[in-house]
Amino acid sequence: MQTVRNQLQTFRYFDLLRCSVFTVTALTPDLKSRLSSTESELLDIKYKTSKVAFYTALTNAGHIGPFNTHIVLKFSKVFTNVGKAYNPSTGFFTAPVKGVYYFQFTLASYLYNFYTAVDVLKNNQRIMYNWELNQFGGHQSFTNSIILELMEGDEIHLSLPAGNTVFDSENNQTTFSGALLFPL
């Protein structure tokens, strides 16, 4: 009698186990689908909240430099700063998300026979250097752009090399801008 009871309990156990396996198997496609849907929604949210764009001008001070050392150019006139990735107090842009970014700068000069130059730095390492000699006096400027793949937290800033000058006024001749093209 005891053996029959044990066998019945074993059958009930296997029956419950079989029902549980059936239930889990039946739910698995639904759970996979819901997980995939949730992942897609999170990526959509990330992309929608990853809006980054800024446009700045340097200052109204007129001529800046030449100095005996490199100085960080702090573009204090901020016209656009979507995403707040550019900090006018430091002059640094900090990538809020991993992605591909576009940057552009224009530097102006008025001083005859002086160089205007700029270093573009990524995480304090120079990745671009541009210069121009103002041979005629009067307004002269140059523009360049760069596309970079950045990791979250990477920093970009512009530096005025020692011995060079730059000019800006209320007309905003010296500018720095950038935007996230797409997140990665």
C-alpha atoms as a PDB file:
ATOM      1  CA  MET A   1       0.000   0.000   0.000  1.00  0.00           C
ATOM      2  CA  GLN A   2       2.800   2.374   0.858  1.00  0.00           C
ATOM      3  CA  THR A   3       4.470   1.654  -2.470  1.00  0.00           C
ATOM      4  CA  VAL A   4       1.294   2.510  -4.378  1.00  0.00           C
ATOM      5  CA  ARG A   5       1.024   5.808  -2.463  1.00  0.00           C
ATOM      6  CA  ASN A   6       4.644   6.596  -3.224  1.00  0.00           C
ATOM      7  CA  GLN A   7       4.079   5.811  -6.889  1.00  0.00           C
ATOM      8  CA  LEU A   8       0.979   8.040  -6.967  1.00  0.00           C
ATOM      9  CA  GLN A   9       2.900  10.878  -5.363  1.00  0.00           C
ATOM     10  CA  THR A  10       5.705  10.393  -7.869  1.00  0.00           C
ATOM     11  CA  PHE A  11       3.187  10.465 -10.761  1.00  0.00           C
ATOM     12  CA  ARG A  12       1.617  13.652  -9.359  1.00  0.00           C
ATOM     13  CA  TYR A  13       5.033  15.198  -9.032  1.00  0.00           C
ATOM     14  CA  PHE A  14       5.920  14.335 -12.649  1.00  0.00           C
ATOM     15  CA  ASP A  15       2.508  15.534 -13.807  1.00  0.00           C
ATOM     16  CA  LEU A  16       3.034  18.886 -12.043  1.00  0.00           C
ATOM     17  CA  LEU A  17       6.538  19.089 -13.437  1.00  0.00           C
ATOM     18  CA  ARG A  18       5.255  18.367 -16.965  1.00  0.00           C
ATOM     19  CA  CYS A  19       2.596  21.086 -16.587  1.00  0.00           C
ATOM     20  CA  SER A  20       5.234  23.547 -15.331  1.00  0.00           C
ATOM     21  CA  VAL A  21       7.542  22.792 -18.252  1.00  0.00           C
ATOM     22  CA  PHE A  22       4.615  23.187 -20.657  1.00  0.00           C
ATOM     23  CA  THR A  23       3.692  26.538 -19.078  1.00  0.00           C
ATOM     24  CA  VAL A  24       7.292  27.844 -19.227  1.00  0.00           C
ATOM     25  CA  THR A  25       7.664  26.632 -22.805  1.00  0.00           C
ATOM     26  CA  ALA A  26       4.403  28.328 -23.765  1.00  0.00           C
ATOM     27  CA  LEU A  27       5.432  31.588 -22.106  1.00  0.00           C
ATOM     28  CA  THR A  28       8.982  31.686 -23.473  1.00  0.00           C
ATOM     29  CA  PRO A  29       8.109  33.101 -26.950  1.00  0.00           C
ATOM     30  CA  ASP A  30       5.915  35.760 -25.330  1.00  0.00           C
ATOM     31  CA  LEU A  31       8.656  36.698 -22.867  1.00  0.00           C
ATOM     32  CA  LYS A  32      11.236  36.844 -25.674  1.00  0.00           C
ATOM     33  CA  SER A  33       8.938  39.052 -27.697  1.00  0.00           C
ATOM     34  CA  ARG A  34       8.274  41.361 -24.750  1.00  0.00           C
ATOM     35  CA  LEU A  35      11.997  41.549 -23.928  1.00  0.00           C
ATOM     36  CA  SER A  36      12.832  42.418 -27.524  1.00  0.00           C
ATOM     37  CA  SER A  37      10.107  45.065 -27.557  1.00  0.00           C
ATOM     38  CA  THR A  38      11.412  46.578 -24.317  1.00  0.00           C
ATOM     39  CA  GLU A  39      14.969  46.681 -25.676  1.00  0.00           C
ATOM     40  CA  SER A  40      13.721  48.482 -28.809  1.00  0.00           C
ATOM     41  CA  GLU A  41      11.824  50.998 -26.698  1.00  0.00           C
ATOM     42  CA  LEU A  42      14.915  51.694 -24.584  1.00  0.00           C
ATOM     43  CA  LEU A  43      17.026  52.258 -27.708  1.00  0.00           C
ATOM     44  CA  ASP A  44      14.368  54.618 -29.079  1.00  0.00           C
ATOM     45  CA  ILE A  45      14.395  56.544 -25.811  1.00  0.00           C
ATOM     46  CA  LYS A  46      18.215  56.707 -25.879  1.00  0.00           C
ATOM     47  CA  TYR A  47      18.227  58.029 -29.448  1.00  0.00           C
ATOM     48  CA  LYS A  48      15.470  60.537 -28.779  1.00  0.00           C
ATOM     49  CA  THR A  49      17.184  61.871 -25.660  1.00  0.00           C
ATOM     50  CA  SER A  50      20.593  61.975 -27.370  1.00  0.00           C
ATOM     51  CA  LYS A  51      20.033  65.336 -28.980  1.00  0.00           C
ATOM     52  CA  VAL A  52      23.262  67.321 -28.844  1.00  0.00           C
ATOM     53  CA  ALA A  53      24.077  70.554 -30.676  1.00  0.00           C
ATOM     54  CA  PHE A  54      25.861  73.763 -29.744  1.00  0.00           C
ATOM     55  CA  TYR A  55      26.857  77.031 -31.386  1.00  0.00           C
ATOM     56  CA  THR A  56      29.081  79.560 -29.615  1.00  0.00           C
ATOM     57  CA  ALA A  57      31.144  82.672 -30.245  1.00  0.00           C
ATOM     58  CA  LEU A  58      34.283  83.630 -28.366  1.00  0.00           C
ATOM     59  CA  THR A  59      33.897  87.080 -26.769  1.00  0.00           C
ATOM     60  CA  ASN A  60      33.359  90.782 -27.411  1.00  0.00           C
ATOM     61  CA  ALA A  61      36.914  91.583 -26.238  1.00  0.00           C
ATOM     62  CA  GLY A  62      38.483  92.232 -29.641  1.00  0.00           C
ATOM     63  CA  HIS A  63      42.092  91.010 -29.938  1.00  0.00           C
ATOM     64  CA  ILE A  64      43.162  88.099 -27.728  1.00  0.00           C
ATOM     65  CA  GLY A  65      46.826  87.191 -27.510  1.00  0.00           C
ATOM     66  CA  PRO A  66      49.573  86.672 -28.232  1.00  0.00           C
ATOM     67  CA  PHE A  67      50.422  84.835 -25.006  1.00  0.00           C
ATOM     68  CA  ASN A  68      53.595  83.047 -23.881  1.00  0.00           C
ATOM     69  CA  THR A  69      51.695  79.777 -23.420  1.00  0.00           C
ATOM     70  CA  HIS A  70      48.766  77.895 -24.915  1.00  0.00           C
ATOM     71  CA  ILE A  71      45.380  78.971 -23.579  1.00  0.00           C
ATOM     72  CA  VAL A  72      42.042  77.186 -23.746  1.00  0.00           C
ATOM     73  CA  LEU A  73      39.602  79.203 -25.816  1.00  0.00           C
ATOM     74  CA  LYS A  74      36.471  79.644 -23.713  1.00  0.00           C
ATOM     75  CA  PHE A  75      33.628  80.494 -26.058  1.00  0.00           C
ATOM     76  CA  SER A  76      31.480  82.465 -23.633  1.00  0.00           C
ATOM     77  CA  LYS A  77      28.685  83.567 -25.980  1.00  0.00           C
ATOM     78  CA  VAL A  78      26.408  80.538 -26.174  1.00  0.00           C
ATOM     79  CA  PHE A  79      23.591  80.765 -28.714  1.00  0.00           C
ATOM     80  CA  THR A  80      22.597  77.092 -28.801  1.00  0.00           C
ATOM     81  CA  ASN A  81      23.437  74.359 -26.307  1.00  0.00           C
ATOM     82  CA  VAL A  82      20.946  71.522 -26.768  1.00  0.00           C
ATOM     83  CA  GLY A  83      21.920  68.740 -24.380  1.00  0.00           C
ATOM     84  CA  LYS A  84      24.176  71.077 -22.331  1.00  0.00           C
ATOM     85  CA  ALA A  85      27.304  69.242 -23.524  1.00  0.00           C
ATOM     86  CA  TYR A  86      29.318  72.454 -24.051  1.00  0.00           C
ATOM     87  CA  ASN A  87      30.556  74.215 -20.897  1.00  0.00           C
ATOM     88  CA  PRO A  88      31.316  77.927 -21.491  1.00  0.00           C
ATOM     89  CA  SER A  89      33.102  78.182 -18.124  1.00  0.00           C
ATOM     90  CA  THR A  90      35.749  75.651 -19.154  1.00  0.00           C
ATOM     91  CA  GLY A  91      35.570  75.796 -22.962  1.00  0.00           C
ATOM     92  CA  PHE A  92      35.151  72.017 -23.062  1.00  0.00           C
ATOM     93  CA  PHE A  93      32.607  69.929 -24.923  1.00  0.00           C
ATOM     94  CA  THR A  94      31.926  66.585 -23.183  1.00  0.00           C
ATOM     95  CA  ALA A  95      30.284  63.813 -25.208  1.00  0.00           C
ATOM     96  CA  PRO A  96      27.151  62.713 -23.340  1.00  0.00           C
ATOM     97  CA  VAL A  97      26.823  59.477 -25.365  1.00  0.00           C
ATOM     98  CA  LYS A  98      29.006  57.301 -27.561  1.00  0.00           C
ATOM     99  CA  GLY A  99      28.525  58.479 -31.130  1.00  0.00           C
ATOM    100  CA  VAL A 100      29.779  60.267 -34.203  1.00  0.00           C
ATOM    101  CA  TYR A 101      30.062  64.049 -33.797  1.00  0.00           C
ATOM    102  CA  TYR A 102      30.628  66.942 -36.174  1.00  0.00           C
ATOM    103  CA  PHE A 103      32.590  70.038 -35.083  1.00  0.00           C
ATOM    104  CA  GLN A 104      33.339  73.282 -36.906  1.00  0.00           C
ATOM    105  CA  PHE A 105      35.309  76.370 -35.963  1.00  0.00           C
ATOM    106  CA  THR A 106      36.070  79.737 -37.509  1.00  0.00           C
ATOM    107  CA  LEU A 107      38.898  81.963 -36.261  1.00  0.00           C
ATOM    108  CA  ALA A 108      39.266  85.620 -37.208  1.00  0.00           C
ATOM    109  CA  SER A 109      42.263  87.923 -37.219  1.00  0.00           C
ATOM    110  CA  TYR A 110      42.838  91.651 -37.735  1.00  0.00           C
ATOM    111  CA  LEU A 111      46.462  92.198 -36.735  1.00  0.00           C
ATOM    112  CA  TYR A 112      48.919  92.726 -39.590  1.00  0.00           C
ATOM    113  CA  ASN A 113      51.747  90.191 -39.759  1.00  0.00           C
ATOM    114  CA  PHE A 114      50.460  88.067 -36.859  1.00  0.00           C
ATOM    115  CA  TYR A 115      49.553  84.408 -36.931  1.00  0.00           C
ATOM    116  CA  THR A 116      46.155  83.114 -35.961  1.00  0.00           C
ATOM    117  CA  ALA A 117      46.199  79.441 -35.019  1.00  0.00           C
ATOM    118  CA  VAL A 118      44.157  76.839 -33.219  1.00  0.00           C
ATOM    119  CA  ASP A 119      44.698  73.365 -31.796  1.00  0.00           C
ATOM    120  CA  VAL A 120      41.764  70.956 -31.651  1.00  0.00           C
ATOM    121  CA  LEU A 121      42.247  68.662 -28.678  1.00  0.00           C
ATOM    122  CA  LYS A 122      40.517  65.399 -27.800  1.00  0.00           C
ATOM    123  CA  ASN A 123      41.076  64.381 -24.186  1.00  0.00           C
ATOM    124  CA  ASN A 124      43.970  66.890 -24.066  1.00  0.00           C
ATOM    125  CA  GLN A 125      45.723  65.313 -27.084  1.00  0.00           C
ATOM    126  CA  ARG A 126      46.096  67.465 -30.197  1.00  0.00           C
ATOM    127  CA  ILE A 127      44.302  65.948 -33.173  1.00  0.00           C
ATOM    128  CA  MET A 128      44.330  68.984 -35.494  1.00  0.00           C
ATOM    129  CA  TYR A 129      46.356  72.173 -35.905  1.00  0.00           C
ATOM    130  CA  ASN A 130      45.427  75.058 -38.221  1.00  0.00           C
ATOM    131  CA  TRP A 131      47.097  78.441 -38.732  1.00  0.00           C
ATOM    132  CA  GLU A 132      47.087  81.445 -40.977  1.00  0.00           C
ATOM    133  CA  LEU A 133      49.325  84.517 -41.291  1.00  0.00           C
ATOM    134  CA  ASN A 134      47.549  87.844 -41.686  1.00  0.00           C
ATOM    135  CA  GLN A 135      49.841  89.388 -44.313  1.00  0.00           C
ATOM    136  CA  PHE A 136      47.658  92.326 -45.266  1.00  0.00           C
ATOM    137  CA  GLY A 137      45.979  93.511 -42.070  1.00  0.00           C
ATOM    138  CA  GLY A 138      42.237  93.872 -41.914  1.00  0.00           C
ATOM    139  CA  HIS A 139      39.783  91.048 -41.429  1.00  0.00           C
ATOM    140  CA  GLN A 140      40.961  87.557 -42.249  1.00  0.00           C
ATOM    141  CA  SER A 141      39.485  84.260 -41.115  1.00  0.00           C
ATOM    142  CA  PHE A 142      39.654  80.535 -41.677  1.00  0.00           C
ATOM    143  CA  THR A 143      37.197  77.714 -41.048  1.00  0.00           C
ATOM    144  CA  ASN A 144      37.658  73.992 -40.666  1.00  0.00           C
ATOM    145  CA  SER A 145      35.589  71.048 -39.539  1.00  0.00           C
ATOM    146  CA  ILE A 146      36.129  67.545 -38.244  1.00  0.00           C
ATOM    147  CA  ILE A 147      34.026  64.422 -37.727  1.00  0.00           C
ATOM    148  CA  LEU A 148      34.992  62.277 -34.740  1.00  0.00           C
ATOM    149  CA  GLU A 149      33.833  59.069 -33.141  1.00  0.00           C
ATOM    150  CA  LEU A 150      33.674  59.788 -29.412  1.00  0.00           C
ATOM    151  CA  MET A 151      33.057  57.659 -26.370  1.00  0.00           C
ATOM    152  CA  GLU A 152      30.798  58.898 -23.609  1.00  0.00           C
ATOM    153  CA  GLY A 153      32.852  61.331 -21.495  1.00  0.00           C
ATOM    154  CA  ASP A 154      35.405  62.211 -24.204  1.00  0.00           C
ATOM    155  CA  GLU A 155      36.284  65.916 -24.194  1.00  0.00           C
ATOM    156  CA  ILE A 156      36.931  68.277 -27.099  1.00  0.00           C
ATOM    157  CA  HIS A 157      38.254  71.819 -26.794  1.00  0.00           C
ATOM    158  CA  LEU A 158      40.111  74.441 -28.796  1.00  0.00           C
ATOM    159  CA  SER A 159      43.394  75.989 -27.729  1.00  0.00           C
ATOM    160  CA  LEU A 160      45.179  79.145 -28.891  1.00  0.00           C
ATOM    161  CA  PRO A 161      48.861  78.212 -29.276  1.00  0.00           C
ATOM    162  CA  ALA A 162      51.518  80.452 -27.726  1.00  0.00           C
ATOM    163  CA  GLY A 163      52.501  83.455 -29.850  1.00  0.00           C
ATOM    164  CA  ASN A 164      49.215  83.562 -31.799  1.00  0.00           C
ATOM    165  CA  THR A 165      46.257  85.925 -31.775  1.00  0.00           C
ATOM    166  CA  VAL A 166      42.544  85.689 -32.427  1.00  0.00           C
ATOM    167  CA  PHE A 167      39.847  88.332 -32.785  1.00  0.00           C
ATOM    168  CA  ASP A 168      36.166  88.445 -31.910  1.00  0.00           C
ATOM    169  CA  SER A 169      33.581  91.129 -31.317  1.00  0.00           C
ATOM    170  CA  GLU A 170      29.822  91.604 -31.161  1.00  0.00           C
ATOM    171  CA  ASN A 171      29.830  90.417 -34.804  1.00  0.00           C
ATOM    172  CA  ASN A 172      30.814  86.886 -33.726  1.00  0.00           C
ATOM    173  CA  GLN A 173      33.661  86.259 -36.175  1.00  0.00           C
ATOM    174  CA  THR A 174      35.288  83.523 -34.047  1.00  0.00           C
ATOM    175  CA  THR A 175      32.918  80.611 -33.472  1.00  0.00           C
ATOM    176  CA  PHE A 176      32.846  76.979 -32.370  1.00  0.00           C
ATOM    177  CA  SER A 177      29.973  74.589 -32.984  1.00  0.00           C
ATOM    178  CA  GLY A 178      29.206  70.915 -32.930  1.00  0.00           C
ATOM    179  CA  ALA A 179      26.465  68.307 -33.085  1.00  0.00           C
ATOM    180  CA  LEU A 180      25.872  64.636 -32.554  1.00  0.00           C
ATOM    181  CA  LEU A 181      25.334  63.094 -35.987  1.00  0.00           C
ATOM    182  CA  PHE A 182      24.188  59.757 -34.591  1.00  0.00           C
ATOM    183  CA  PRO A 183      24.709  57.651 -31.445  1.00  0.00           C
ATOM    184  CA  LEU A 184      26.525  54.312 -31.601  1.00  0.00           C
END
